[in-house]
PDB file of all heavy atoms in Angstrom:
ATOM      1  N   ASN A   1     115.362 137.373 138.855  1.00  0.00           N
ATOM      2  CA  ASN A   1     115.954 138.700 138.846  1.00  0.00           C
ATOM      3  C   ASN A   1     116.600 139.051 140.134  1.00  0.00           C
ATOM      4  O   ASN A   1     116.245 138.525 141.202  1.00  0.00           O
ATOM      5  CB  ASN A   1     114.853 139.693 138.492  1.00  0.00           C
ATOM      6  CG  ASN A   1     114.322 139.545 137.059  1.00  0.00           C
ATOM      7  OD1 ASN A   1     115.101 139.204 136.146  1.00  0.00           O
ATOM      8  ND2 ASN A   1     113.056 139.836 136.846  1.00  0.00           N
ATOM      9  N   PRO A   2     117.540 139.970 140.118  1.00  0.00           N
ATOM     10  CA  PRO A   2     118.327 140.312 141.396  1.00  0.00           C
ATOM     11  C   PRO A   2     117.398 140.815 142.531  1.00  0.00           C
ATOM     12  O   PRO A   2     117.821 140.608 143.658  1.00  0.00           O
ATOM     13  CB  PRO A   2     119.266 141.451 140.910  1.00  0.00           C
ATOM     14  CG  PRO A   2     119.387 141.218 139.416  1.00  0.00           C
ATOM     15  CD  PRO A   2     118.082 140.700 138.945  1.00  0.00           C
ATOM     16  N   ASP A   3     116.254 141.454 142.239  1.00  0.00           N
ATOM     17  CA  ASP A   3     115.424 141.866 143.336  1.00  0.00           C
ATOM     18  C   ASP A   3     114.848 140.776 144.123  1.00  0.00           C
ATOM     19  O   ASP A   3     114.235 140.988 145.253  1.00  0.00           O
ATOM     20  CB  ASP A   3     114.329 142.860 142.808  1.00  0.00           C
ATOM     21  CG  ASP A   3     113.430 142.161 141.815  1.00  0.00           C
ATOM     22  OD1 ASP A   3     113.548 140.970 141.544  1.00  0.00           O
ATOM     23  OD2 ASP A   3     112.575 142.866 141.252  1.00  0.00           O
ATOM     24  N   ALA A   4     115.037 139.526 143.678  1.00  0.00           N
ATOM     25  CA  ALA A   4     114.534 138.377 144.424  1.00  0.00           C
ATOM     26  C   ALA A   4     115.668 137.745 145.291  1.00  0.00           C
ATOM     27  O   ALA A   4     115.454 136.664 145.818  1.00  0.00           O
ATOM     28  CB  ALA A   4     113.951 137.297 143.435  1.00  0.00           C
ATOM     29  N   TYR A   5     116.811 138.378 145.402  1.00  0.00           N
ATOM     30  CA  TYR A   5     117.885 137.781 146.064  1.00  0.00           C
ATOM     31  C   TYR A   5     117.574 137.290 147.477  1.00  0.00           C
ATOM     32  O   TYR A   5     117.917 136.161 147.882  1.00  0.00           O
ATOM     33  CB  TYR A   5     119.128 138.797 146.168  1.00  0.00           C
ATOM     34  CG  TYR A   5     120.298 138.185 146.815  1.00  0.00           C
ATOM     35  CD1 TYR A   5     121.273 137.388 146.169  1.00  0.00           C
ATOM     36  CD2 TYR A   5     120.443 138.333 148.221  1.00  0.00           C
ATOM     37  CE1 TYR A   5     122.297 136.847 146.840  1.00  0.00           C
ATOM     38  CE2 TYR A   5     121.517 137.752 148.900  1.00  0.00           C
ATOM     39  CZ  TYR A   5     122.472 137.000 148.164  1.00  0.00           C
ATOM     40  OH  TYR A   5     123.500 136.431 148.825  1.00  0.00           O
ATOM     41  N   SER A   6     116.924 138.114 148.227  1.00  0.00           N
ATOM     42  CA  SER A   6     116.660 137.741 149.647  1.00  0.00           C
ATOM     43  C   SER A   6     115.784 136.508 149.707  1.00  0.00           C
ATOM     44  O   SER A   6     116.032 135.646 150.523  1.00  0.00           O
ATOM     45  CB  SER A   6     115.920 138.882 150.409  1.00  0.00           C
ATOM     46  OG  SER A   6     116.826 139.995 150.457  1.00  0.00           O
ATOM     47  N   ALA A   7     114.722 136.453 148.846  1.00  0.00           N
ATOM     48  CA  ALA A   7     113.872 135.291 148.841  1.00  0.00           C
ATOM     49  C   ALA A   7     114.567 134.041 148.370  1.00  0.00           C
ATOM     50  O   ALA A   7     114.410 132.967 148.954  1.00  0.00           O
ATOM     51  CB  ALA A   7     112.640 135.533 147.946  1.00  0.00           C
ATOM     52  N   ILE A   8     115.488 134.133 147.376  1.00  0.00           N
ATOM     53  CA  ILE A   8     116.260 133.016 146.942  1.00  0.00           C
ATOM     54  C   ILE A   8     117.204 132.525 148.021  1.00  0.00           C
ATOM     55  O   ILE A   8     117.329 131.364 148.308  1.00  0.00           O
ATOM     56  CB  ILE A   8     117.040 133.400 145.683  1.00  0.00           C
ATOM     57  CG1 ILE A   8     116.100 133.624 144.448  1.00  0.00           C
ATOM     58  CG2 ILE A   8     118.086 132.293 145.372  1.00  0.00           C
ATOM     59  CD1 ILE A   8     115.458 132.447 143.935  1.00  0.00           C
ATOM     60  N   ALA A   9     117.896 133.507 148.680  1.00  0.00           N
ATOM     61  CA  ALA A   9     118.867 133.190 149.740  1.00  0.00           C
ATOM     62  C   ALA A   9     118.153 132.492 150.887  1.00  0.00           C
ATOM     63  O   ALA A   9     118.743 131.544 151.530  1.00  0.00           O
ATOM     64  CB  ALA A   9     119.603 134.404 150.234  1.00  0.00           C
ATOM     65  N   GLU A  10     116.973 132.825 151.207  1.00  0.00           N
ATOM     66  CA  GLU A  10     116.223 132.315 152.343  1.00  0.00           C
ATOM     67  C   GLU A  10     115.862 130.863 152.079  1.00  0.00           C
ATOM     68  O   GLU A  10     115.863 130.043 152.964  1.00  0.00           O
ATOM     69  CB  GLU A  10     114.972 133.134 152.597  1.00  0.00           C
ATOM     70  CG  GLU A  10     114.195 132.619 153.830  1.00  0.00           C
ATOM     71  CD  GLU A  10     112.971 133.457 154.111  1.00  0.00           C
ATOM     72  OE1 GLU A  10     112.823 134.536 153.491  1.00  0.00           O
ATOM     73  OE2 GLU A  10     112.171 133.105 155.043  1.00  0.00           O
ATOM     74  N   ALA A  11     115.542 130.561 150.859  1.00  0.00           N
ATOM     75  CA  ALA A  11     115.117 129.157 150.506  1.00  0.00           C
ATOM     76  C   ALA A  11     116.315 128.242 150.148  1.00  0.00           C
ATOM     77  O   ALA A  11     116.482 127.253 150.746  1.00  0.00           O
ATOM     78  CB  ALA A  11     114.105 129.139 149.336  1.00  0.00           C
ATOM     79  N   ALA A  12     117.042 128.729 149.210  1.00  0.00           N
ATOM     80  CA  ALA A  12     118.361 128.128 148.749  1.00  0.00           C
ATOM     81  C   ALA A  12     118.479 126.590 148.928  1.00  0.00           C
ATOM     82  O   ALA A  12     119.195 126.198 149.826  1.00  0.00           O
ATOM     83  CB  ALA A  12     119.511 128.808 149.534  1.00  0.00           C
ATOM     84  N   PRO A  13     117.907 125.745 148.104  1.00  0.00           N
ATOM     85  CA  PRO A  13     117.056 126.100 147.046  1.00  0.00           C
ATOM     86  C   PRO A  13     115.565 125.950 147.429  1.00  0.00           C
ATOM     87  O   PRO A  13     115.224 125.253 148.421  1.00  0.00           O
ATOM     88  CB  PRO A  13     117.388 125.019 145.994  1.00  0.00           C
ATOM     89  CG  PRO A  13     117.711 123.804 146.835  1.00  0.00           C
ATOM     90  CD  PRO A  13     118.334 124.303 148.075  1.00  0.00           C
ATOM     91  N   ARG A  14     114.690 126.573 146.641  1.00  0.00           N
ATOM     92  CA  ARG A  14     113.262 126.380 146.780  1.00  0.00           C
ATOM     93  C   ARG A  14     112.820 125.286 145.809  1.00  0.00           C
ATOM     94  O   ARG A  14     113.051 125.441 144.619  1.00  0.00           O
ATOM     95  CB  ARG A  14     112.535 127.680 146.484  1.00  0.00           C
ATOM     96  CG  ARG A  14     110.994 127.553 146.587  1.00  0.00           C
ATOM     97  CD  ARG A  14     110.311 128.858 146.246  1.00  0.00           C
ATOM     98  NE  ARG A  14     108.839 128.638 146.161  1.00  0.00           N
ATOM     99  CZ  ARG A  14     108.007 129.665 145.833  1.00  0.00           C
ATOM    100  NH1 ARG A  14     108.495 130.879 145.540  1.00  0.00           N
ATOM    101  NH2 ARG A  14     106.751 129.421 145.729  1.00  0.00           N
ATOM    102  N   VAL A  15     112.200 124.227 146.293  1.00  0.00           N
ATOM    103  CA  VAL A  15     111.819 123.089 145.457  1.00  0.00           C
ATOM    104  C   VAL A  15     110.296 122.975 145.519  1.00  0.00           C
ATOM    105  O   VAL A  15     109.724 122.837 146.608  1.00  0.00           O
ATOM    106  CB  VAL A  15     112.476 121.745 145.934  1.00  0.00           C
ATOM    107  CG1 VAL A  15     112.111 120.655 145.026  1.00  0.00           C
ATOM    108  CG2 VAL A  15     114.005 121.942 145.911  1.00  0.00           C
ATOM    109  N   GLU A  16     109.663 122.947 144.351  1.00  0.00           N
ATOM    110  CA  GLU A  16     108.213 122.931 144.286  1.00  0.00           C
ATOM    111  C   GLU A  16     107.764 121.769 143.446  1.00  0.00           C
ATOM    112  O   GLU A  16     108.546 121.341 142.503  1.00  0.00           O
ATOM    113  CB  GLU A  16     107.589 124.207 143.708  1.00  0.00           C
ATOM    114  CG  GLU A  16     107.954 125.474 144.531  1.00  0.00           C
ATOM    115  CD  GLU A  16     107.124 125.534 145.817  1.00  0.00           C
ATOM    116  OE1 GLU A  16     106.190 124.738 145.982  1.00  0.00           O
ATOM    117  OE2 GLU A  16     107.392 126.488 146.590  1.00  0.00           O
ATOM    118  N   ALA A  17     106.571 121.232 143.647  1.00  0.00           N
ATOM    119  CA  ALA A  17     105.954 120.227 142.828  1.00  0.00           C
ATOM    120  C   ALA A  17     106.909 118.991 142.584  1.00  0.00           C
ATOM    121  O   ALA A  17     107.068 118.561 141.468  1.00  0.00           O
ATOM    122  CB  ALA A  17     105.548 120.784 141.474  1.00  0.00           C
ATOM    123  N   ASP A  18     107.474 118.522 143.700  1.00  0.00           N
ATOM    124  CA  ASP A  18     108.391 117.394 143.662  1.00  0.00           C
ATOM    125  C   ASP A  18     109.514 117.539 142.639  1.00  0.00           C
ATOM    126  O   ASP A  18     109.891 116.682 141.922  1.00  0.00           O
ATOM    127  CB  ASP A  18     107.622 116.044 143.333  1.00  0.00           C
ATOM    128  CG  ASP A  18     108.461 114.850 143.500  1.00  0.00           C
ATOM    129  OD1 ASP A  18     109.397 114.866 144.378  1.00  0.00           O
ATOM    130  OD2 ASP A  18     108.215 113.859 142.761  1.00  0.00           O
ATOM    131  N   GLY A  19     110.054 118.764 142.687  1.00  0.00           N
ATOM    132  CA  GLY A  19     111.244 119.061 141.776  1.00  0.00           C
ATOM    133  C   GLY A  19     110.861 119.492 140.372  1.00  0.00           C
ATOM    134  O   GLY A  19     111.779 119.652 139.593  1.00  0.00           O
ATOM    135  N   ARG A  20     109.643 119.675 140.042  1.00  0.00           N
ATOM    136  CA  ARG A  20     109.298 120.170 138.726  1.00  0.00           C
ATOM    137  C   ARG A  20     109.664 121.601 138.538  1.00  0.00           C
ATOM    138  O   ARG A  20     109.973 122.043 137.429  1.00  0.00           O
ATOM    139  CB  ARG A  20     107.802 119.931 138.484  1.00  0.00           C
ATOM    140  CG  ARG A  20     107.371 118.496 138.234  1.00  0.00           C
ATOM    141  CD  ARG A  20     107.989 117.891 136.989  1.00  0.00           C
ATOM    142  NE  ARG A  20     107.305 118.356 135.769  1.00  0.00           N
ATOM    143  CZ  ARG A  20     106.249 117.787 135.175  1.00  0.00           C
ATOM    144  NH1 ARG A  20     105.720 116.697 135.774  1.00  0.00           N
ATOM    145  NH2 ARG A  20     105.758 118.272 134.132  1.00  0.00           N
ATOM    146  N   VAL A  21     109.705 122.391 139.668  1.00  0.00           N
ATOM    147  CA  VAL A  21     110.069 123.722 139.650  1.00  0.00           C
ATOM    148  C   VAL A  21     111.034 123.962 140.786  1.00  0.00           C
ATOM    149  O   VAL A  21     110.755 123.663 141.935  1.00  0.00           O
ATOM    150  CB  VAL A  21     108.892 124.744 139.824  1.00  0.00           C
ATOM    151  CG1 VAL A  21     109.353 126.118 139.792  1.00  0.00           C
ATOM    152  CG2 VAL A  21     107.880 124.468 138.666  1.00  0.00           C
ATOM    153  N   VAL A  22     112.272 124.439 140.474  1.00  0.00           N
ATOM    154  CA  VAL A  22     113.297 124.670 141.419  1.00  0.00           C
ATOM    155  C   VAL A  22     113.914 126.086 141.256  1.00  0.00           C
ATOM    156  O   VAL A  22     114.146 126.515 140.118  1.00  0.00           O
ATOM    157  CB  VAL A  22     114.507 123.640 141.340  1.00  0.00           C
ATOM    158  CG1 VAL A  22     115.605 123.935 142.301  1.00  0.00           C
ATOM    159  CG2 VAL A  22     113.907 122.245 141.515  1.00  0.00           C
ATOM    160  N   ALA A  23     114.114 126.817 142.336  1.00  0.00           N
ATOM    161  CA  ALA A  23     114.681 128.171 142.237  1.00  0.00           C
ATOM    162  C   ALA A  23     115.776 128.313 143.290  1.00  0.00           C
ATOM    163  O   ALA A  23     115.593 128.107 144.474  1.00  0.00           O
ATOM    164  CB  ALA A  23     113.589 129.189 142.518  1.00  0.00           C
ATOM    165  N   ARG A  24     117.011 128.579 142.778  1.00  0.00           N
ATOM    166  CA  ARG A  24     118.117 128.775 143.697  1.00  0.00           C
ATOM    167  C   ARG A  24     119.210 129.749 143.116  1.00  0.00           C
ATOM    168  O   ARG A  24     120.238 129.955 143.627  1.00  0.00           O
ATOM    169  CB  ARG A  24     118.847 127.448 143.978  1.00  0.00           C
ATOM    170  CG  ARG A  24     119.642 126.858 142.824  1.00  0.00           C
ATOM    171  CD  ARG A  24     120.254 125.540 143.268  1.00  0.00           C
ATOM    172  NE  ARG A  24     121.149 125.654 144.345  1.00  0.00           N
ATOM    173  CZ  ARG A  24     121.506 124.582 145.084  1.00  0.00           C
ATOM    174  NH1 ARG A  24     121.045 123.330 144.806  1.00  0.00           N
ATOM    175  NH2 ARG A  24     122.414 124.754 146.106  1.00  0.00           N
ATOM    176  N   THR A  25     118.820 130.408 141.956  1.00  0.00           N
ATOM    177  CA  THR A  25     119.789 131.144 141.165  1.00  0.00           C
ATOM    178  C   THR A  25     119.327 132.605 140.975  1.00  0.00           C
ATOM    179  O   THR A  25     118.136 132.830 140.804  1.00  0.00           O
ATOM    180  CB  THR A  25     120.013 130.421 139.836  1.00  0.00           C
ATOM    181  OG1 THR A  25     120.397 129.129 140.089  1.00  0.00           O
ATOM    182  CG2 THR A  25     121.117 131.095 139.054  1.00  0.00           C
ATOM    183  N   VAL A  26     120.295 133.493 140.880  1.00  0.00           N
ATOM    184  CA  VAL A  26     120.018 134.937 140.571  1.00  0.00           C
ATOM    185  C   VAL A  26     120.846 135.271 139.324  1.00  0.00           C
ATOM    186  O   VAL A  26     121.947 134.899 139.178  1.00  0.00           O
ATOM    187  CB  VAL A  26     120.436 135.830 141.712  1.00  0.00           C
ATOM    188  CG1 VAL A  26     120.479 137.296 141.249  1.00  0.00           C
ATOM    189  CG2 VAL A  26     119.433 135.664 142.881  1.00  0.00           C
TER     190      VAL A  26
END
């Protein structure tokens, strides 16, 4: 969601569990 923009931008991308979970998009 857009309220996560700052967190997404800081990680860009955030990669967890050896790529099983990835977050880089709003």
